[in-house]
Protein backbone atom coordinates (compact mmCIF):
# COMPACT_ATOMS: atom_id res chain seq x y z
CA MET A 1 6.04 16.47 -34.31
CA ASN A 2 9.40 16.10 -32.50
CA ILE A 3 10.62 18.93 -30.54
CA VAL A 4 14.21 17.42 -30.81
CA PRO A 5 15.23 15.74 -34.12
CA GLU A 6 16.99 12.60 -34.29
CA GLN A 7 20.76 13.11 -34.07
CA ASN A 8 22.81 10.86 -36.18
CA ALA A 9 25.88 11.30 -33.70
CA GLU A 10 23.78 9.50 -31.06
CA SER A 11 25.43 6.24 -31.28
CA ALA A 12 24.16 2.57 -30.76
CA LYS A 13 26.66 2.63 -27.61
CA GLN A 14 24.50 5.22 -25.68
CA ARG A 15 21.42 3.17 -26.35
CA TYR A 16 23.04 0.00 -24.90
CA LEU A 17 24.33 1.93 -22.13
CA ILE A 18 21.16 3.10 -21.12
CA SER A 19 19.35 -0.25 -21.94
CA GLY A 20 22.07 -2.05 -19.77
CA VAL A 21 21.25 0.23 -16.77
CA LEU A 22 17.60 -0.13 -17.24
CA ILE A 23 18.20 -3.94 -16.95
CA ALA A 24 20.46 -3.75 -13.80
CA VAL A 25 17.85 -1.59 -12.05
CA VAL A 26 15.01 -4.12 -12.97
CA CYS A 27 17.30 -6.98 -11.80
CA CYS A 28 17.68 -5.03 -8.23
CA GLN A 29 14.03 -4.68 -8.13
CA ILE A 30 13.47 -8.40 -8.71
CA TRP A 31 16.02 -9.07 -5.91
CA LEU A 32 14.06 -6.62 -3.60
CA ILE A 33 10.74 -8.40 -4.31
CA PHE A 34 12.13 -11.43 -2.27
CA GLN A 35 14.42 -9.42 0.11
CA LYS A 36 12.05 -6.25 1.08
CA ALA A 37 9.67 -6.82 3.95
CA ILE A 38 6.07 -6.62 3.24
CA ASN A 39 4.72 -3.36 4.19
CA TRP A 40 1.22 -2.95 6.13
CA ASP A 41 -0.42 -1.72 2.90
CA GLU A 42 0.39 -4.84 0.94
CA PHE A 43 -0.91 -6.76 3.90
CA LEU A 44 -3.86 -4.74 4.08
CA HIS A 45 -4.71 -5.28 0.25
CA PHE A 46 -3.74 -8.99 0.25
CA GLY A 47 -5.85 -9.51 3.18
CA GLN A 48 -8.84 -8.50 1.19
CA ILE A 49 -8.56 -11.37 -1.09
CA TYR A 50 -8.97 -13.74 2.02
CA GLU A 51 -11.70 -11.49 3.11
CA LEU A 52 -13.49 -11.87 -0.39
CA ALA A 53 -13.11 -15.79 -0.02
CA ASP A 54 -14.43 -15.85 3.60
CA GLY A 55 -17.40 -13.56 2.65
CA ARG A 56 -16.03 -10.85 4.94
CA LEU A 57 -15.37 -8.27 2.22
CA SER A 58 -17.84 -5.53 2.01
CA GLY A 59 -18.09 -2.46 -0.43
CA SER A 60 -17.19 -2.58 -4.11
CA LEU A 61 -15.22 0.57 -4.21
CA GLN A 62 -11.46 0.18 -4.49
CA SER A 63 -11.52 -3.37 -3.94
CA LEU A 64 -11.50 -4.69 -7.54
CA HIS A 65 -7.98 -6.00 -7.10
CA VAL A 66 -9.26 -9.00 -5.13
CA ARG A 67 -10.83 -10.25 -8.53
CA LEU A 68 -7.64 -9.68 -10.52
CA PHE A 69 -5.36 -11.27 -8.10
CA GLY A 70 -7.19 -13.73 -6.20
CA TRP A 71 -5.04 -16.55 -7.83
CA ALA A 72 -2.02 -15.29 -5.92
CA ALA A 73 -3.66 -16.64 -2.71
CA MET A 74 -3.51 -20.34 -4.34
CA ALA A 75 -0.10 -19.95 -5.77
CA ALA A 76 1.97 -20.96 -2.73
CA GLU A 77 1.26 -22.26 0.91
CA ASN A 78 2.41 -19.30 2.95
CA VAL A 79 1.30 -15.76 2.65
CA ILE A 80 4.67 -14.18 2.31
CA THR A 81 5.40 -16.13 -0.83
CA GLN A 82 1.90 -15.33 -2.12
CA ILE A 83 2.46 -11.59 -1.98
CA GLN A 84 5.91 -11.94 -3.54
CA ILE A 85 4.15 -13.70 -6.38
CA ALA A 86 1.79 -10.94 -6.60
CA ARG A 87 4.61 -8.56 -6.38
CA ILE A 88 6.17 -9.80 -9.60
CA ALA A 89 2.77 -9.35 -11.47
CA MET A 90 2.94 -5.57 -9.96
CA LEU A 91 6.44 -5.17 -11.47
CA VAL A 92 5.34 -6.44 -14.83
CA CYS A 93 2.52 -3.58 -14.74
CA VAL A 94 5.11 -1.03 -13.87
CA LEU A 95 7.47 -2.30 -16.79
CA PHE A 96 4.45 -1.76 -19.10
CA THR A 97 4.03 1.63 -17.67
CA THR A 98 7.69 2.46 -18.17
CA GLY A 99 7.28 1.35 -22.01
CA CYS A 100 4.40 3.77 -22.31
CA ILE A 101 6.46 6.40 -20.91
CA VAL A 102 9.20 5.63 -23.46
CA LEU A 103 6.60 5.59 -26.19
CA LEU A 104 5.09 8.91 -25.27
CA SER A 105 8.59 10.60 -24.83
CA ARG A 106 9.18 9.78 -28.32
CA ARG A 107 6.63 12.31 -29.17
CA LEU A 108 9.05 14.81 -27.64
CA VAL A 109 12.56 13.73 -28.01
CA ASP A 110 15.00 11.27 -29.75
CA GLY A 111 14.94 7.35 -28.81
CA GLU A 112 17.79 7.58 -26.41
CA THR A 113 16.35 10.39 -24.37
CA ALA A 114 13.04 8.57 -24.23
CA LEU A 115 14.76 5.50 -23.07
CA LEU A 116 16.06 7.78 -20.33
CA SER A 117 12.81 9.16 -19.36
CA GLY A 118 11.84 5.38 -18.44
CA LEU A 119 15.13 5.20 -16.42
CA VAL A 120 14.12 8.22 -14.69
CA TYR A 121 10.99 6.78 -13.75
CA LEU A 122 12.11 3.49 -12.47
CA THR A 123 14.79 5.25 -10.39
CA ALA A 124 12.60 8.14 -9.05
CA GLY A 125 13.44 7.58 -5.29
CA PHE A 126 10.55 5.74 -3.71
CA VAL A 127 9.28 4.34 -6.98
CA PHE A 128 12.48 2.17 -7.35
CA THR A 129 11.45 0.46 -3.93
CA ASN A 130 7.75 0.61 -4.50
CA ALA A 131 7.25 -0.29 -7.91
CA PHE A 132 6.56 -3.87 -7.14
CA THR A 133 4.31 -2.99 -4.07
CA TYR A 134 1.08 -5.10 -4.03
CA ARG A 135 -1.71 -2.57 -4.24
CA PRO A 136 -4.09 -1.37 -6.96
CA ASP A 137 -1.80 1.63 -7.92
CA PRO A 138 0.61 0.06 -10.47
CA VAL A 139 -2.15 -1.65 -12.28
CA ALA A 140 -4.19 1.61 -12.79
CA ALA A 141 -1.03 3.57 -13.52
CA ALA A 142 -0.55 0.86 -16.53
CA ALA A 143 -4.21 1.16 -17.74
CA LEU A 144 -4.11 4.97 -17.49
CA MET A 145 -0.71 5.33 -19.31
CA GLY A 146 -1.73 2.63 -21.90
CA ALA A 147 -4.81 4.76 -22.63
CA LEU A 148 -2.86 8.08 -23.21
CA SER A 149 -0.46 6.01 -25.58
CA LEU A 150 -3.45 4.91 -27.75
CA LEU A 151 -4.75 8.54 -27.85
CA VAL A 152 -1.35 10.02 -28.62
CA PHE A 153 -0.07 7.74 -31.40
CA GLY A 154 -1.90 6.37 -34.48
CA SER A 155 -5.28 7.68 -35.78
CA PHE A 156 -7.95 8.90 -33.24
CA SER A 157 -10.17 6.05 -34.35
CA TRP A 158 -13.31 4.67 -32.86
CA LYS A 159 -11.42 1.65 -31.91
CA ARG A 160 -8.63 3.51 -30.09
CA VAL A 161 -11.37 5.70 -28.38
CA ILE A 162 -13.43 2.86 -26.98
CA LEU A 163 -10.31 0.96 -25.93
CA SER A 164 -8.90 3.90 -24.03
CA GLY A 165 -12.17 4.53 -22.34
CA LEU A 166 -12.20 1.12 -21.23
CA LEU A 167 -8.76 1.19 -19.84
CA VAL A 168 -9.77 4.57 -17.99
CA GLY A 169 -12.71 2.86 -16.73
CA LEU A 170 -10.81 -0.11 -15.40
CA ALA A 171 -8.21 2.35 -13.64
CA GLY A 172 -11.16 4.22 -12.03
CA ALA A 173 -12.64 1.00 -10.73
CA LEU A 174 -9.24 0.19 -9.24
CA THR A 175 -8.75 3.33 -7.55
CA ILE A 176 -10.79 6.56 -7.59
CA LYS A 177 -7.71 8.75 -7.60
CA SER A 178 -7.32 7.92 -11.28
CA VAL A 179 -9.36 11.23 -11.75
CA PHE A 180 -5.97 12.87 -10.93
CA TYR A 181 -4.90 11.84 -14.60
CA ALA A 182 -7.74 14.07 -16.06
CA PRO A 183 -5.50 17.07 -16.81
CA CYS A 184 -3.24 14.61 -18.89
CA PHE A 185 -6.16 13.41 -21.13
CA ALA A 186 -7.38 17.11 -21.50
CA ALA A 187 -3.93 17.95 -22.84
CA VAL A 188 -3.75 15.15 -25.10
CA ALA A 189 -7.31 15.81 -26.49
CA TYR A 190 -6.10 19.54 -27.04
CA LEU A 191 -3.03 18.04 -28.81
CA GLN A 192 -4.91 16.21 -31.20
CA TRP A 193 -7.25 18.92 -31.80
CA ARG A 194 -4.45 21.18 -32.71
CA ASP A 195 -2.68 18.69 -34.91
CA THR A 196 -5.74 17.56 -36.95
CA THR A 197 -6.21 18.70 -40.71
CA ASP A 198 -9.28 16.89 -41.26
CA GLY A 199 -11.59 18.99 -39.04
CA ARG A 200 -11.78 19.28 -35.44
CA PHE A 201 -15.24 18.49 -34.46
CA HIS A 202 -14.55 14.89 -34.58
CA ILE A 203 -11.80 15.43 -32.08
CA VAL A 204 -14.07 16.85 -29.72
CA TYR A 205 -16.91 14.24 -29.83
CA ARG A 206 -14.46 11.37 -29.75
CA SER A 207 -12.69 12.78 -26.75
CA THR A 208 -16.19 13.13 -25.13
CA ALA A 209 -16.82 9.53 -26.03
CA VAL A 210 -13.71 8.50 -23.98
CA LEU A 211 -15.28 10.04 -21.08
CA VAL A 212 -18.74 8.36 -21.58
CA VAL A 213 -17.09 4.96 -22.09
CA ALA A 214 -15.03 5.31 -19.09
CA MET A 215 -17.84 6.08 -16.93
CA PHE A 216 -19.73 3.47 -18.41
CA ALA A 217 -16.97 0.98 -18.04
CA PHE A 218 -16.45 2.25 -14.46
CA ALA A 219 -20.02 1.56 -13.51
CA LEU A 220 -20.33 -1.82 -15.13
CA ILE A 221 -17.12 -2.99 -13.45
CA VAL A 222 -17.95 -1.76 -10.13
CA GLY A 223 -21.40 -3.14 -10.34
CA LEU A 224 -20.42 -6.39 -11.40
CA HIS A 225 -17.78 -6.66 -8.74
CA GLY A 226 -20.16 -5.56 -5.91
CA SER A 227 -22.93 -7.69 -7.03
CA ASN A 228 -22.53 -10.44 -4.45
CA LEU A 229 -20.70 -8.25 -1.89
CA PRO A 230 -22.58 -7.04 1.10
CA ALA A 231 -22.92 -3.20 1.29
CA ALA A 232 -20.20 -1.21 3.07
CA SER A 233 -21.34 -0.94 6.79
CA THR A 234 -19.98 2.45 7.55
CA GLN A 235 -20.41 5.87 6.28
CA GLY A 236 -16.86 6.21 5.78
CA SER A 237 -16.87 3.27 3.26
CA SER A 238 -19.13 5.19 0.69
CA LEU A 239 -17.73 7.13 -2.39
CA GLY A 240 -18.53 10.51 -0.60
CA GLY A 241 -16.88 9.33 2.80
CA LYS A 242 -13.72 8.33 1.10
CA ILE A 243 -13.39 11.55 -0.83
CA ASP A 244 -14.00 13.49 2.39
CA SER A 245 -11.65 11.34 4.31
CA PHE A 246 -8.61 11.54 1.86
CA LEU A 247 -9.18 15.11 0.26
CA ARG A 248 -7.94 18.07 2.46
CA PHE A 249 -6.85 21.41 0.91
CA PHE A 250 -3.38 22.59 2.13
CA GLU A 251 -3.02 20.18 5.19
CA PHE A 252 0.15 18.57 3.67
CA GLU A 253 -0.31 15.75 6.17
CA GLN A 254 2.37 13.62 4.51
CA ILE A 255 4.52 16.38 3.22
CA ARG A 256 7.58 14.68 4.71
CA TYR A 257 7.30 11.91 2.07
CA VAL A 258 6.96 14.62 -0.78
CA LEU A 259 10.23 16.25 0.54
CA ALA A 260 11.93 12.86 0.72
CA GLU A 261 10.81 11.96 -2.77
CA MET A 262 12.22 15.21 -4.17
CA ALA A 263 15.51 14.54 -2.49
CA LEU A 264 15.85 10.72 -3.47
CA ALA A 265 14.74 11.52 -7.20
CA PRO A 266 17.15 14.63 -7.80
CA LEU A 267 17.09 14.24 -11.51
CA LEU A 268 13.24 14.39 -11.56
CA THR A 269 13.31 17.25 -9.20
CA LEU A 270 15.85 19.18 -11.36
CA GLY A 271 13.69 18.29 -14.40
CA LEU A 272 10.69 20.13 -12.87
CA ILE A 273 12.60 23.08 -11.88
CA LEU A 274 14.11 23.66 -15.28
CA LEU A 275 11.08 22.71 -17.29
CA VAL A 276 9.58 26.28 -17.14
CA PRO A 277 12.53 28.00 -18.74
CA VAL A 278 13.36 25.10 -21.11
CA ALA A 279 9.73 24.76 -22.43
CA SER A 280 9.38 28.59 -22.98
CA GLY A 281 10.78 28.30 -26.37
CA LEU A 282 8.61 25.29 -27.40
CA PRO A 283 5.43 25.46 -29.67
CA ARG A 284 2.10 26.36 -27.77
CA ASN A 285 0.61 22.96 -28.18
CA ILE A 286 3.55 21.23 -26.91
CA LYS A 287 3.56 23.69 -23.73
CA ILE A 288 0.03 22.79 -22.97
CA LEU A 289 0.70 19.09 -23.35
CA LEU A 290 3.65 19.32 -20.76
CA LEU A 291 1.41 21.30 -18.55
CA GLY A 292 -1.19 18.67 -18.56
CA LEU A 293 1.29 16.03 -18.15
CA CYS A 294 2.40 17.68 -14.82
CA GLY A 295 -1.20 18.34 -13.80
CA PRO A 296 -1.44 15.32 -11.63
CA LEU A 297 1.01 16.90 -9.34
CA LEU A 298 -1.79 19.45 -8.18
CA CYS A 299 -3.04 16.57 -6.06
CA ILE A 300 -0.16 17.39 -3.55
CA LEU A 301 -2.14 20.21 -2.46
CA PHE A 302 -5.26 18.36 -1.34
CA TYR A 303 -4.45 14.62 -1.27
CA ARG A 304 -3.73 13.36 2.19
CA ASN A 305 -2.13 10.02 1.33
CA THR A 306 1.06 10.80 -0.49
CA PHE A 307 2.91 7.83 1.19
CA PRO A 308 5.72 6.67 -0.74
CA TYR A 309 3.87 4.03 -2.79
CA PHE A 310 1.82 6.68 -4.28
CA PHE A 311 4.50 7.99 -6.54
CA THR A 312 4.40 4.88 -8.52
CA PHE A 313 1.04 6.16 -9.56
CA LEU A 314 1.80 9.89 -9.64
CA LEU A 315 4.88 10.24 -11.64
CA PRO A 316 4.68 8.32 -15.00
CA PRO A 317 3.18 11.41 -16.93
CA VAL A 318 5.51 13.68 -15.04
CA CYS A 319 8.64 11.66 -16.28
CA VAL A 320 7.24 12.17 -19.80
CA ALA A 321 6.82 15.94 -19.23
CA ILE A 322 10.45 16.48 -18.21
CA THR A 323 11.92 14.87 -21.21
CA PRO A 324 12.87 18.30 -23.00
CA VAL A 325 14.99 19.09 -19.89
CA LEU A 326 16.61 15.72 -20.12
CA ALA A 327 17.38 16.39 -23.66
CA GLN A 328 19.16 19.61 -22.89
CA LEU A 329 20.94 18.05 -19.93
CA VAL A 330 22.14 15.17 -22.24
CA ARG A 331 23.32 17.71 -24.76
CA ARG A 332 25.31 19.59 -22.37
CA TYR A 333 26.74 16.97 -19.97
CA GLY A 334 26.35 13.59 -21.83
CA PHE A 335 24.42 10.39 -21.03
CA LEU A 336 26.83 9.02 -18.37
CA PRO A 337 26.60 11.88 -15.69
CA VAL A 338 22.82 12.37 -16.09
CA ILE A 339 22.42 8.53 -15.72
CA ILE A 340 24.71 8.55 -12.58
CA VAL A 341 22.72 11.12 -10.87
CA SER A 342 19.45 9.16 -11.61
CA LEU A 343 20.82 6.29 -9.60
CA PHE A 344 21.55 8.27 -6.33
CA GLY A 345 18.29 7.52 -4.91
CA PRO A 346 18.10 3.67 -5.70
CA ALA A 347 21.71 3.40 -4.34
CA PHE A 348 20.79 5.07 -0.85
CA LEU A 349 17.58 3.13 -0.51
CA LEU A 350 19.47 -0.14 -1.28
CA VAL A 351 22.01 0.46 1.52
CA ASN A 352 19.53 1.75 4.04
CA GLU A 353 16.74 -1.17 3.47
CA PRO A 354 16.24 -2.98 6.80
CA TYR A 355 16.65 -6.55 5.49
CA GLY A 356 15.93 -8.53 8.55
CA THR A 357 12.47 -7.45 8.94
CA LEU A 358 11.09 -9.95 6.29
CA GLU A 359 12.53 -12.89 8.26
CA ARG A 360 10.94 -11.71 11.33
CA GLN A 361 7.51 -11.32 9.53
CA ARG A 362 7.98 -14.89 8.45
CA ALA A 363 8.84 -16.10 11.91
CA THR A 364 5.82 -14.25 13.63
CA ILE A 365 3.35 -15.61 10.93
CA SER A 366 4.72 -19.11 11.33
CA GLU A 367 4.60 -19.01 15.19
CA ILE A 368 1.04 -17.76 15.40
CA GLU A 369 -0.08 -20.61 12.94
CA ARG A 370 1.79 -22.92 15.38
CA LEU A 371 -0.06 -21.53 18.22
CA PHE A 372 -3.39 -21.11 16.68
CA PRO A 373 -3.62 -24.02 14.05
CA GLU A 374 -7.33 -22.76 13.09
CA PRO A 375 -8.17 -19.33 11.90
CA THR A 376 -8.81 -17.13 15.07
CA SER A 377 -9.88 -13.62 15.42
CA TYR A 378 -7.14 -11.16 16.21
CA LEU A 379 -6.51 -7.37 16.44
CA SER A 380 -3.49 -5.70 14.55
CA TYR A 381 -2.64 -2.75 12.74
CA SER A 382 -2.95 -4.62 9.32
CA SER A 383 -3.72 -8.09 7.89
CA TYR A 384 -0.47 -9.57 9.14
CA MET A 385 -2.59 -12.77 9.19
CA PRO A 386 -4.65 -12.64 5.99
CA GLU A 387 -6.39 -16.01 6.27
CA TYR A 388 -7.36 -15.19 9.96
CA PRO A 389 -10.52 -12.72 10.76
CA ARG A 390 -9.09 -9.40 11.62
CA GLN A 391 -11.02 -7.15 13.99
CA PHE A 392 -11.19 -3.34 13.27
CA ARG A 393 -9.55 -2.21 10.08
CA SER A 394 -9.95 1.27 11.74
CA LEU A 395 -6.51 0.94 13.14
CA ILE A 396 -4.79 1.35 9.84
CA SER A 397 -4.44 5.34 9.58
CA GLY A 398 -5.21 8.57 11.37
CA VAL A 399 -8.26 8.92 8.95
CA ALA A 400 -9.72 5.57 10.00
CA LEU A 401 -8.93 6.00 13.73
CA GLY A 402 -10.80 9.15 13.63
CA ARG A 403 -13.61 7.46 11.96
CA TYR A 404 -13.37 4.78 14.80
CA TRP A 405 -13.43 7.33 17.52
CA GLN A 406 -16.78 8.89 15.74
CA GLU A 407 -18.50 5.84 15.07
CA ARG A 408 -17.36 2.88 17.06
CA GLU A 409 -15.61 4.35 20.35
CA GLY A 410 -14.78 1.65 22.69
CA GLN A 411 -15.89 -1.28 20.59
CA ILE A 412 -12.47 -2.83 21.04
CA ALA A 413 -13.18 -3.13 24.59
CA ARG A 414 -16.55 -4.41 24.08
CA ASP A 415 -15.30 -7.08 21.67
CA ILE A 416 -12.61 -8.16 24.06
CA GLU A 417 -15.10 -8.46 27.02
CA ASP A 418 -17.34 -10.45 24.58
CA GLY A 419 -14.38 -13.07 24.00
CA ARG A 420 -13.80 -12.20 20.20
CA ILE A 421 -10.14 -11.45 20.18
CA ALA A 422 -7.69 -14.25 20.89
CA PHE A 423 -4.45 -12.44 20.25
CA VAL A 424 -2.91 -9.12 19.29
CA ILE A 425 0.05 -8.42 17.00
CA ALA A 426 1.28 -5.01 18.37
CA THR A 427 2.44 -2.81 15.51
CA GLY A 428 1.51 0.66 14.32
CA ASP A 429 1.30 3.75 16.49
CA ALA A 430 -2.06 3.08 18.20
CA LEU A 431 -1.01 -0.53 19.59
CA ASP A 432 2.54 0.39 20.06
CA LEU A 433 1.61 3.03 22.48
CA VAL A 434 -0.53 0.49 24.38
CA TYR A 435 2.10 -2.33 24.64
CA GLN A 436 5.49 -0.69 24.24
CA THR A 437 4.94 1.96 26.82
CA ASP A 438 3.13 2.07 30.35
CA GLY A 439 2.14 5.64 29.97
CA PRO A 440 -0.94 7.23 28.18
CA ALA A 441 -1.94 5.96 24.96
CA PRO A 442 -4.18 8.73 23.64
CA LEU A 443 -4.89 7.17 20.11
CA LEU A 444 -7.14 4.86 21.44
CA PRO A 445 -10.04 5.43 24.29
CA ALA A 446 -9.14 4.78 27.59
CA SER A 447 -11.54 1.89 27.94
CA ASP A 448 -9.82 0.16 24.95
CA VAL A 449 -6.37 0.91 26.38
CA ALA A 450 -7.29 -0.71 29.90
CA ALA A 451 -8.91 -3.98 28.25
CA LEU A 452 -5.79 -4.37 25.96
CA ARG A 453 -3.38 -3.93 28.84
CA SER A 454 -5.33 -6.28 31.36
CA ASN A 455 -6.68 -8.99 29.01
CA PHE A 456 -3.49 -10.04 27.05
CA LEU A 457 -0.05 -11.56 28.05
CA ARG A 458 3.27 -10.58 26.20
CA TYR A 459 4.45 -13.64 24.43
CA SER A 460 7.15 -11.94 22.27
CA ASP A 461 7.83 -8.29 21.53
CA THR A 462 4.92 -8.03 19.05
CA ILE A 463 2.49 -10.94 19.89
CA PHE A 464 0.10 -10.69 22.81
CA ILE A 465 -2.07 -13.56 23.74
CA ALA A 466 -5.25 -13.42 25.57
CA GLY A 467 -4.84 -14.09 29.34
CA LYS A 468 -4.67 -12.72 32.73
CA ASN A 469 -1.82 -11.96 35.12
CA VAL A 470 -3.19 -13.15 38.51
CA CYS A 471 -1.30 -11.45 41.34
CA SER A 472 -1.26 -11.88 45.18
CA GLN A 473 -2.59 -9.14 47.22
CA GLY A 474 -2.96 -10.97 50.45
CA GLU A 475 -6.31 -12.63 49.64
CA GLU A 476 -8.07 -14.10 46.50
CA GLN A 477 -9.08 -11.45 44.07
CA GLU A 478 -11.89 -11.30 41.44
CA LEU A 479 -10.84 -12.77 38.21
CA ARG A 480 -12.79 -12.04 35.26
CA ILE A 481 -12.75 -14.45 32.26
CA PHE A 482 -14.11 -12.96 29.13
CA ARG A 483 -13.04 -15.83 26.59
CA SER A 484 -14.56 -19.19 27.52
CA GLY A 485 -12.07 -22.07 26.75
CA VAL A 486 -8.89 -23.78 28.10
CA TYR A 487 -6.62 -21.87 30.16
CA SER A 488 -2.91 -22.81 31.14
CA VAL A 489 -1.03 -21.86 34.30
CA ASP A 490 2.36 -20.57 34.11
CA GLY A 491 4.82 -19.35 36.82
CA GLY A 492 3.27 -21.31 40.00
CA ASP A 493 0.30 -22.92 41.37
CA LEU A 494 -3.17 -21.15 41.28
CA VAL A 495 -6.24 -21.54 43.05
CA ILE A 496 -9.65 -20.68 41.13
CA ASP A 497 -12.89 -20.67 43.21
CA GLY A 498 -11.12 -23.30 45.57
CA ARG A 499 -9.70 -25.38 43.01
CA HIS A 500 -6.25 -26.02 42.90
CA ILE A 501 -4.41 -25.95 39.35
CA ALA A 502 -0.76 -26.89 39.34
CA ASP A 503 1.79 -25.03 37.43
CA GLN A 504 1.99 -26.09 33.85
CA HIS A 505 -1.36 -27.65 34.06
CA SER A 506 -4.70 -26.48 32.36
CA VAL A 507 -8.31 -25.75 33.28
CA SER A 508 -11.36 -25.09 31.34
CA LEU A 509 -13.13 -22.06 32.21
CA THR A 510 -16.23 -20.46 31.01
CA ALA A 511 -16.66 -16.85 30.69
CA GLY A 512 -17.70 -15.39 34.16
CA THR A 513 -16.16 -14.00 37.37
CA TYR A 514 -14.02 -16.19 39.73
CA LEU A 515 -12.09 -15.90 42.88
CA ALA A 516 -8.56 -16.71 42.23
CA GLY A 517 -5.05 -16.11 43.72
CA PRO A 518 -1.37 -17.72 43.52
CA VAL A 519 -0.67 -20.40 46.14
CA GLN A 520 2.72 -19.06 46.92
CA GLY A 521 1.98 -15.49 46.38
CA GLY A 522 3.69 -13.22 43.63
CA CYS A 523 2.16 -13.33 40.18
CA VAL A 524 1.04 -16.26 37.97
CA LYS A 525 0.33 -16.02 34.32
CA LEU A 526 -3.19 -17.62 32.83
CA TRP A 527 -2.80 -18.14 29.23
CA ALA A 528 -5.95 -18.64 27.07
CA LEU A 529 -4.43 -21.66 25.50
CA ASP A 530 -4.52 -25.50 26.07
CA HIS A 531 -0.80 -25.31 26.87
CA VAL A 532 1.85 -23.03 28.31
CA PRO A 533 3.37 -21.37 25.06
CA GLU A 534 7.18 -21.20 24.86
CA LEU A 535 8.88 -19.14 22.29
CA PRO A 536 11.29 -21.01 20.06
CA GLU A 537 14.95 -20.41 21.10
CA ASP A 538 15.83 -18.82 17.70
CA PHE A 539 12.65 -16.69 17.34
CA PRO A 540 13.86 -13.35 16.10
CA GLU A 541 12.92 -10.31 18.15
CA GLY A 542 12.42 -6.82 16.64
CA PRO A 543 9.85 -4.88 14.52
CA ILE A 544 7.97 -6.69 12.15
CA ALA A 545 6.69 -3.41 10.20
CA GLY A 546 7.85 -3.34 6.92
CA GLY A 547 8.98 0.09 5.78
CA PHE A 548 8.37 1.98 2.33
């Protein structure tokens, strides 16, 4: 039943207005796909595609996306373009989700207001700049909203029940936080139960069947996906470990992003504030439906990773829930003022986007490929070089850093001493504290900090290459080489175990301890490369960490 009847006075002009704004918003997002920097989370998830290809991916939980989007790694030669192509697929999923929002909203309001609910979603603050972000969330949201649409419209047939269950199982295989949508499905089942006139028992067992099919599909998909993957090596990679890591009641670790989202999506925030008084006069079954659609918001109380990309997944059912408020606002103020308010967030984000970061990312990746033509192990906050083997995924977040302290403390230093790290890309809090300051770096153990500072030379503001700074202290000093290979002298002549190596020349060294010192005093750099590296004149300096 529609709680707001169709209004004959709603003209085609209003429908064209909303459709035109929707198209303009999508065009801006398509433009951002090729202008917005790749954020660390995109590099992380895209890097898993290369890990799968190289046999380095372990654990089947929340990594199904590597099977669905592995084709993107073959769609272009450079990784930035590959991710941008994958972003297009993400945006297609979000547009499907938007269509489901409009369709579900038609259960509550007229066609024009339903279109407006889709616009509210696409312009809802961080959703605008993260709708195309490469990660499993947009696909999972599309699957869940598609399942809800199947259950709300049409007959509650076995075909719809099974297909909905399969979609829910797929979403769960993509991300375990799909369980946050449980209140939405419970409310839809209740709505069907109240609306049926053919007996209610079949609604109960068919609703149960959705859950059974979803669980079966989840187990089957995860099992098939992980059948040829090595088991996760750490406790934190298990299902229980993931739940324990990301669920903390009333910690509100990323509450700043929740508050920012509220400010950047004023129409959505207003809709939630006014929903209680507006819904007070609606039928009970509609009230329960709206309550269930808002149910995913409860996760803010205990879910730690409420980063900006999360709202693309969280808000679709909420945008359906506020449609009664949108109908009231439109009746009172008209469509144009409401549309203008919805565009505040996108306008702010477009103006404040740091557009130069993407070019610095391209330059950094290209320069590393020039210095290290063959895949070489490295250390960084995220998979900035997806085709190269990266050490320590533990550097990604506070949760993973805590796990590193518990399970592998000092492993970075041990790997450096074993010669397993050729270069460092210094981004993220942990590595920034090591290289961008000379003071304490408490996010990593002291042994790691010492090893990182003493065994890598600054090449650019973000690239640090294995090597040593050999300084004169009146006599030759012990020089410990951890990585066997060719080393190049830079900044003066050097004597190593009595052997004279001229400036700009190279020498082959095996791992071990030597006596070394500069011939003319001062300090001389010893790069772990077969040549002295020289940064291109046009190399762009500055941060390479893409924002949200």
